Structures are given as C-alpha cells and as structure tokens.
C-alpha cells in the first residue's frame, strides 16, 4: 500500500551542542509532527544532528514515535531516519523499526519518503505492508 499527504512540524527544541571540535558540531533536537491524510497521526522526533564548516554538508539520525491511525487502523510505530547533505547532494532513508508497531498496526513494515516543497511545505509518501 502507498499513502501520502501533508504534514506539519512544530516545537523545534534544539539543545546546546554536546560536542564541538574542529568546526564540527554534534547536537540534539526534538520536534513534533502532525500527519494528515490516510496517516492521521502525531509524532515526536528525537534527532542527533551533525553540522560542519561546509554549509551544505550536514547530517542527522533520528527516531520518531508515530501514534494515530493508518488507513483506519489505530496504533503506533517507530520510524528510523538517516539523512545527509553532501555539498548540495542529499540522501534520506526513513523506515519502520522492525516489530515496533502496536495495536491494529502490529506487523507494519515500510519506508517513508519526505518531501519539502520550495514553499517550505512538507509531504510524506509511505509505502507499507501490514503482515497479519
């Protein structure tokens, strides 16, 4: 199954960097999201961010607990994120943590693509399976 829709972000809370060396900084951020559409859910994202002296080169890893409904089924699941910007080139991987789904979403597997439009709006495309 593939579902898609918009999502909103809020509550970007950055802590002071926990390590800085030679222009490379490691920090933590938490934020919240509200998904709309077939995924009607809220989440909290916990990010560890790497910034470098090169503006276009940075990275993050994150875990995100999503709670709500997916195609009418109620439960929660955890998404794992890995992203990097490499002098303008970008990579992003977001997938469901194995066996992290609860409730009617038990057995959920999948990958999510996150897109940011030039106007700053966010959308998701979630390609998933639900093993029973």
N, C-alpha and C. Protein backbone atom coordinates (compact mmCIF):
# COMPACT_ATOMS: atom_id res chain seq x y z
N UNK A 1 0.84 -1.18 0.00
CA UNK A 1 0.00 0.00 0.00
C UNK A 1 0.89 1.25 0.00
N UNK A 2 0.41 2.27 -0.67
CA UNK A 2 1.10 3.55 -0.66
C UNK A 2 0.09 4.62 -0.27
N UNK A 3 0.42 5.39 0.76
CA UNK A 3 -0.41 6.52 1.19
C UNK A 3 0.47 7.76 1.18
N UNK A 4 -0.19 8.90 1.01
CA UNK A 4 0.58 10.14 1.01
C UNK A 4 -0.28 11.28 1.49
N UNK A 5 0.37 12.34 1.90
CA UNK A 5 -0.34 13.52 2.36
C UNK A 5 0.62 14.53 2.95
N UNK A 6 0.07 15.63 3.42
CA UNK A 6 0.91 16.66 4.02
C UNK A 6 1.18 16.37 5.50
N UNK A 7 2.21 17.01 6.03
CA UNK A 7 2.40 17.02 7.48
C UNK A 7 2.97 18.36 7.90
N UNK A 8 2.71 18.69 9.16
CA UNK A 8 3.18 19.94 9.75
C UNK A 8 4.21 19.62 10.81
N UNK A 9 5.19 20.51 10.98
CA UNK A 9 6.18 20.37 12.04
C UNK A 9 6.02 21.52 13.03
N UNK A 10 6.39 21.27 14.28
CA UNK A 10 6.29 22.30 15.32
C UNK A 10 7.26 21.98 16.44
N UNK A 11 7.38 22.90 17.36
CA UNK A 11 8.12 22.69 18.61
C UNK A 11 9.56 22.25 18.39
N UNK A 12 10.28 22.91 17.49
CA UNK A 12 11.70 22.60 17.24
C UNK A 12 12.47 23.07 18.47
N UNK A 13 12.95 22.12 19.27
CA UNK A 13 13.68 22.43 20.50
C UNK A 13 15.11 21.92 20.40
N UNK A 14 16.02 22.84 20.13
CA UNK A 14 17.44 22.49 19.99
C UNK A 14 18.15 22.70 21.31
N UNK A 15 18.90 21.68 21.73
CA UNK A 15 19.75 21.81 22.90
C UNK A 15 21.09 22.41 22.45
N UNK A 16 21.85 22.97 23.38
CA UNK A 16 23.21 23.40 23.01
C UNK A 16 23.99 22.18 22.54
N UNK A 17 24.94 22.36 21.62
CA UNK A 17 25.74 21.22 21.16
C UNK A 17 26.37 20.47 22.34
N UNK A 18 26.39 19.15 22.24
CA UNK A 18 27.02 18.37 23.30
C UNK A 18 28.49 18.08 22.99
N UNK A 19 28.91 18.36 21.75
CA UNK A 19 30.32 18.22 21.40
C UNK A 19 30.62 19.12 20.20
N UNK A 20 31.73 19.86 20.30
CA UNK A 20 32.21 20.69 19.20
C UNK A 20 33.71 20.51 19.10
N UNK A 21 34.17 20.20 17.88
CA UNK A 21 35.61 20.01 17.69
C UNK A 21 35.94 20.31 16.23
N UNK A 22 36.94 21.14 16.03
CA UNK A 22 37.44 21.45 14.68
C UNK A 22 36.34 21.89 13.72
N UNK A 23 35.37 22.65 14.25
CA UNK A 23 34.30 23.16 13.40
C UNK A 23 33.14 22.21 13.17
N UNK A 24 33.22 21.00 13.71
CA UNK A 24 32.14 20.02 13.57
C UNK A 24 31.40 19.96 14.90
N UNK A 25 30.09 20.10 14.81
CA UNK A 25 29.25 20.18 16.00
C UNK A 25 28.24 19.04 16.03
N UNK A 26 28.04 18.46 17.21
CA UNK A 26 27.03 17.42 17.43
C UNK A 26 26.00 17.99 18.39
N UNK A 27 24.73 17.88 18.01
CA UNK A 27 23.66 18.42 18.84
C UNK A 27 22.42 17.56 18.82
N UNK A 28 21.50 17.88 19.73
CA UNK A 28 20.24 17.16 19.82
C UNK A 28 19.08 18.13 19.64
N UNK A 29 18.03 17.62 18.98
CA UNK A 29 16.83 18.40 18.74
C UNK A 29 15.63 17.49 18.94
N UNK A 30 14.56 18.01 19.49
CA UNK A 30 13.27 17.31 19.48
C UNK A 30 12.29 18.21 18.74
N UNK A 31 11.33 17.57 18.09
CA UNK A 31 10.28 18.31 17.38
C UNK A 31 9.04 17.43 17.32
N UNK A 32 7.92 18.02 16.97
CA UNK A 32 6.68 17.27 16.81
C UNK A 32 6.19 17.40 15.37
N UNK A 33 5.37 16.41 14.97
CA UNK A 33 4.75 16.43 13.65
C UNK A 33 3.28 16.08 13.77
N UNK A 34 2.50 16.56 12.82
CA UNK A 34 1.10 16.17 12.67
C UNK A 34 0.92 15.75 11.22
N UNK A 35 0.62 14.44 11.03
CA UNK A 35 0.39 13.89 9.69
C UNK A 35 -1.09 14.00 9.35
N UNK A 36 -1.38 14.27 8.08
CA UNK A 36 -2.76 14.38 7.60
C UNK A 36 -2.96 13.40 6.45
N UNK A 37 -4.20 13.00 6.23
CA UNK A 37 -4.50 12.07 5.14
C UNK A 37 -4.73 10.68 5.68
N UNK A 38 -4.36 9.67 4.89
CA UNK A 38 -4.55 8.28 5.30
C UNK A 38 -3.74 7.95 6.55
N UNK A 39 -2.65 8.66 6.78
CA UNK A 39 -1.92 8.59 8.04
C UNK A 39 -2.35 9.82 8.84
N UNK A 40 -3.23 9.60 9.79
CA UNK A 40 -3.75 10.68 10.64
C UNK A 40 -3.12 10.46 12.02
N UNK A 41 -2.02 11.14 12.28
CA UNK A 41 -1.23 10.81 13.46
C UNK A 41 -0.40 12.00 13.91
N UNK A 42 0.12 11.87 15.13
CA UNK A 42 1.07 12.82 15.67
C UNK A 42 2.35 12.06 16.01
N UNK A 43 3.44 12.78 16.11
CA UNK A 43 4.69 12.12 16.46
C UNK A 43 5.62 13.08 17.19
N UNK A 44 6.57 12.47 17.88
CA UNK A 44 7.69 13.20 18.46
C UNK A 44 8.96 12.62 17.85
N UNK A 45 9.82 13.51 17.36
CA UNK A 45 11.06 13.11 16.70
C UNK A 45 12.23 13.52 17.58
N UNK A 46 13.17 12.59 17.80
CA UNK A 46 14.39 12.85 18.56
C UNK A 46 15.56 12.73 17.59
N UNK A 47 16.20 13.86 17.28
CA UNK A 47 17.27 13.92 16.30
C UNK A 47 18.62 14.16 16.94
N UNK A 48 19.66 13.55 16.38
CA UNK A 48 21.04 13.91 16.66
C UNK A 48 21.58 14.47 15.35
N UNK A 49 22.08 15.69 15.43
CA UNK A 49 22.44 16.45 14.23
C UNK A 49 23.94 16.71 14.20
N UNK A 50 24.52 16.60 12.99
CA UNK A 50 25.93 16.92 12.75
C UNK A 50 25.96 18.14 11.83
N UNK A 51 26.64 19.19 12.25
CA UNK A 51 26.88 20.33 11.36
C UNK A 51 28.38 20.45 11.14
N UNK A 52 28.75 20.93 9.97
CA UNK A 52 30.16 21.04 9.59
C UNK A 52 30.47 22.46 9.14
N UNK A 53 31.74 22.78 8.93
CA UNK A 53 32.08 24.11 8.43
C UNK A 53 31.55 24.36 7.01
N UNK A 54 31.21 23.30 6.27
CA UNK A 54 30.67 23.45 4.92
C UNK A 54 29.15 23.53 5.04
N UNK A 55 28.58 24.68 4.72
CA UNK A 55 27.15 24.95 4.89
C UNK A 55 26.26 23.83 4.35
N UNK A 56 26.57 23.30 3.18
CA UNK A 56 25.72 22.31 2.53
C UNK A 56 25.99 20.88 3.00
N UNK A 57 26.93 20.68 3.90
CA UNK A 57 27.27 19.34 4.39
C UNK A 57 26.87 19.21 5.85
N UNK A 58 25.83 18.42 6.08
CA UNK A 58 25.33 18.16 7.43
C UNK A 58 24.59 16.84 7.40
N UNK A 59 24.25 16.33 8.58
CA UNK A 59 23.59 15.03 8.63
C UNK A 59 22.76 14.92 9.90
N UNK A 60 21.85 13.94 9.90
CA UNK A 60 21.12 13.64 11.13
C UNK A 60 20.71 12.18 11.14
N UNK A 61 20.56 11.65 12.34
CA UNK A 61 19.91 10.37 12.59
C UNK A 61 18.80 10.67 13.59
N UNK A 62 17.71 9.91 13.51
CA UNK A 62 16.59 10.19 14.40
C UNK A 62 15.73 8.96 14.62
N UNK A 63 15.01 8.98 15.73
CA UNK A 63 13.93 8.03 15.99
C UNK A 63 12.66 8.85 16.22
N UNK A 64 11.55 8.33 15.71
CA UNK A 64 10.28 9.05 15.74
C UNK A 64 9.16 8.08 16.09
N UNK A 65 8.47 8.33 17.20
CA UNK A 65 7.32 7.52 17.55
C UNK A 65 6.06 8.17 16.99
N UNK A 66 5.35 7.42 16.15
CA UNK A 66 4.15 7.90 15.47
C UNK A 66 2.94 7.22 16.12
N UNK A 67 1.92 8.01 16.50
CA UNK A 67 0.72 7.46 17.13
C UNK A 67 -0.52 8.02 16.45
N UNK A 68 -1.44 7.11 16.05
CA UNK A 68 -2.67 7.56 15.42
C UNK A 68 -3.30 6.45 14.62
N UNK A 69 -3.81 6.80 13.43
CA UNK A 69 -4.43 5.81 12.56
C UNK A 69 -3.76 5.82 11.19
N UNK A 70 -3.67 4.63 10.61
CA UNK A 70 -3.15 4.44 9.26
C UNK A 70 -4.21 3.65 8.51
N UNK A 71 -4.78 4.26 7.49
CA UNK A 71 -5.88 3.64 6.74
C UNK A 71 -6.95 3.08 7.69
N UNK A 72 -7.27 3.85 8.74
CA UNK A 72 -8.33 3.48 9.66
C UNK A 72 -7.94 2.53 10.78
N UNK A 73 -6.68 2.07 10.81
CA UNK A 73 -6.22 1.16 11.87
C UNK A 73 -5.45 1.97 12.91
N UNK A 74 -5.78 1.73 14.18
CA UNK A 74 -5.19 2.51 15.26
C UNK A 74 -3.99 1.80 15.86
N UNK A 75 -2.97 2.58 16.20
CA UNK A 75 -1.79 2.04 16.86
C UNK A 75 -0.65 3.02 16.80
N UNK A 76 0.54 2.51 17.03
CA UNK A 76 1.74 3.34 16.97
C UNK A 76 2.87 2.54 16.32
N UNK A 77 3.91 3.25 15.91
CA UNK A 77 5.11 2.62 15.36
C UNK A 77 6.25 3.60 15.44
N UNK A 78 7.47 3.09 15.27
CA UNK A 78 8.66 3.93 15.34
C UNK A 78 9.30 3.98 13.97
N UNK A 79 9.65 5.20 13.55
CA UNK A 79 10.40 5.40 12.31
C UNK A 79 11.86 5.68 12.65
N UNK A 80 12.77 5.11 11.84
CA UNK A 80 14.20 5.37 11.95
C UNK A 80 14.62 6.24 10.77
N UNK A 81 15.34 7.33 11.03
CA UNK A 81 15.78 8.26 9.99
C UNK A 81 17.30 8.26 9.87
N UNK A 82 17.79 8.40 8.66
CA UNK A 82 19.20 8.67 8.40
C UNK A 82 19.27 9.59 7.19
N UNK A 83 19.89 10.75 7.35
CA UNK A 83 19.92 11.72 6.26
C UNK A 83 21.27 12.43 6.22
N UNK A 84 21.67 12.82 5.01
CA UNK A 84 22.91 13.57 4.85
C UNK A 84 22.78 14.54 3.69
N UNK A 85 23.37 15.71 3.87
CA UNK A 85 23.56 16.66 2.79
C UNK A 85 25.05 16.70 2.51
N UNK A 86 25.42 16.43 1.26
CA UNK A 86 26.83 16.36 0.89
C UNK A 86 27.11 17.41 -0.19
N UNK A 87 27.43 18.63 0.26
CA UNK A 87 27.72 19.75 -0.65
C UNK A 87 26.61 19.94 -1.69
N UNK A 88 25.37 19.83 -1.21
CA UNK A 88 24.22 20.05 -2.09
C UNK A 88 23.51 18.77 -2.47
N UNK A 89 24.22 17.65 -2.56
CA UNK A 89 23.57 16.36 -2.81
C UNK A 89 22.90 15.89 -1.53
N UNK A 90 21.78 15.20 -1.65
CA UNK A 90 21.07 14.79 -0.45
C UNK A 90 20.69 13.32 -0.49
N UNK A 91 20.69 12.69 0.68
CA UNK A 91 20.19 11.33 0.83
C UNK A 91 19.31 11.29 2.07
N UNK A 92 18.28 10.45 2.01
CA UNK A 92 17.36 10.30 3.14
C UNK A 92 16.80 8.90 3.13
N UNK A 93 16.86 8.24 4.26
CA UNK A 93 16.23 6.94 4.44
C UNK A 93 15.39 7.00 5.69
N UNK A 94 14.11 6.64 5.58
CA UNK A 94 13.20 6.59 6.71
C UNK A 94 12.45 5.27 6.62
N UNK A 95 12.55 4.44 7.66
CA UNK A 95 11.89 3.14 7.63
C UNK A 95 11.31 2.80 9.00
N UNK A 96 10.34 1.90 8.99
CA UNK A 96 9.71 1.45 10.23
C UNK A 96 10.69 0.53 10.97
N UNK A 97 10.90 0.79 12.25
CA UNK A 97 11.74 -0.08 13.07
C UNK A 97 11.04 -1.44 13.18
N UNK A 98 11.76 -2.53 12.92
CA UNK A 98 11.14 -3.86 12.94
C UNK A 98 10.42 -4.14 14.26
N UNK A 99 9.19 -4.63 14.13
CA UNK A 99 8.36 -5.05 15.26
C UNK A 99 8.10 -3.96 16.29
N UNK A 100 8.12 -2.69 15.85
CA UNK A 100 7.84 -1.57 16.74
C UNK A 100 6.36 -1.19 16.74
N UNK A 101 5.58 -1.74 15.83
CA UNK A 101 4.17 -1.34 15.70
C UNK A 101 3.31 -2.00 16.77
N UNK A 102 2.30 -1.25 17.21
CA UNK A 102 1.39 -1.72 18.26
C UNK A 102 -0.05 -1.66 17.78
N UNK A 103 -0.95 -2.24 18.58
CA UNK A 103 -2.38 -2.17 18.29
C UNK A 103 -2.71 -2.83 16.98
N UNK A 104 -3.61 -2.20 16.22
CA UNK A 104 -4.04 -2.73 14.93
C UNK A 104 -2.97 -2.60 13.85
N UNK A 105 -1.84 -2.00 14.18
CA UNK A 105 -0.75 -1.83 13.22
C UNK A 105 0.37 -2.87 13.41
N UNK A 106 0.18 -3.82 14.32
CA UNK A 106 1.20 -4.88 14.51
C UNK A 106 1.51 -5.53 13.18
N UNK A 107 2.80 -5.77 12.93
CA UNK A 107 3.24 -6.37 11.67
C UNK A 107 3.54 -5.35 10.59
N UNK A 108 3.48 -4.05 10.93
CA UNK A 108 3.74 -2.98 9.96
C UNK A 108 5.21 -2.98 9.55
N UNK A 109 5.44 -2.90 8.25
CA UNK A 109 6.77 -2.73 7.67
C UNK A 109 6.64 -1.64 6.61
N UNK A 110 7.70 -0.89 6.38
CA UNK A 110 7.61 0.09 5.31
C UNK A 110 8.69 1.14 5.33
N UNK A 111 8.66 1.96 4.28
CA UNK A 111 9.60 3.05 4.08
C UNK A 111 8.82 4.32 3.79
N UNK A 112 9.32 5.43 4.28
CA UNK A 112 8.66 6.72 4.06
C UNK A 112 9.61 7.66 3.35
N UNK A 113 9.08 8.36 2.37
CA UNK A 113 9.82 9.42 1.69
C UNK A 113 9.24 10.75 2.18
N UNK A 114 10.11 11.67 2.52
CA UNK A 114 9.71 13.00 2.97
C UNK A 114 10.14 14.00 1.92
N UNK A 115 9.20 14.85 1.54
CA UNK A 115 9.49 15.86 0.51
C UNK A 115 9.19 17.25 1.05
N UNK A 116 10.08 18.18 0.75
CA UNK A 116 9.90 19.57 1.15
C UNK A 116 9.82 20.41 -0.11
N UNK A 117 8.69 21.07 -0.30
CA UNK A 117 8.46 21.89 -1.49
C UNK A 117 9.21 23.21 -1.36
N UNK A 118 9.42 23.90 -2.49
CA UNK A 118 10.11 25.20 -2.44
C UNK A 118 9.44 26.21 -1.49
N UNK A 119 8.12 26.08 -1.28
CA UNK A 119 7.43 27.00 -0.37
C UNK A 119 7.58 26.58 1.09
N UNK A 120 8.31 25.48 1.36
CA UNK A 120 8.55 25.02 2.72
C UNK A 120 7.54 24.03 3.25
N UNK A 121 6.50 23.72 2.47
CA UNK A 121 5.51 22.74 2.93
C UNK A 121 6.09 21.33 2.84
N UNK A 122 5.61 20.45 3.72
CA UNK A 122 6.12 19.08 3.82
C UNK A 122 5.05 18.08 3.41
N UNK A 123 5.46 17.03 2.70
CA UNK A 123 4.58 15.91 2.39
C UNK A 123 5.33 14.60 2.64
N UNK A 124 4.54 13.54 2.83
CA UNK A 124 5.11 12.20 3.01
C UNK A 124 4.52 11.27 1.96
N UNK A 125 5.28 10.25 1.59
CA UNK A 125 4.81 9.13 0.79
C UNK A 125 5.24 7.89 1.57
N UNK A 126 4.27 7.11 2.03
CA UNK A 126 4.55 5.96 2.90
C UNK A 126 4.16 4.69 2.16
N UNK A 127 5.16 3.88 1.84
CA UNK A 127 4.98 2.60 1.15
C UNK A 127 5.09 1.52 2.22
N UNK A 128 3.96 0.85 2.52
CA UNK A 128 3.96 -0.06 3.65
C UNK A 128 3.24 -1.38 3.35
N UNK A 129 3.54 -2.36 4.18
CA UNK A 129 2.80 -3.62 4.21
C UNK A 129 2.39 -3.87 5.64
N UNK A 130 1.32 -4.61 5.80
CA UNK A 130 0.83 -4.95 7.13
C UNK A 130 0.66 -6.46 7.19
N UNK A 131 1.60 -7.12 7.85
CA UNK A 131 1.56 -8.58 7.97
C UNK A 131 0.60 -8.94 9.11
N UNK A 132 -0.25 -9.88 8.88
CA UNK A 132 -1.24 -10.25 9.90
C UNK A 132 -0.82 -11.51 10.60
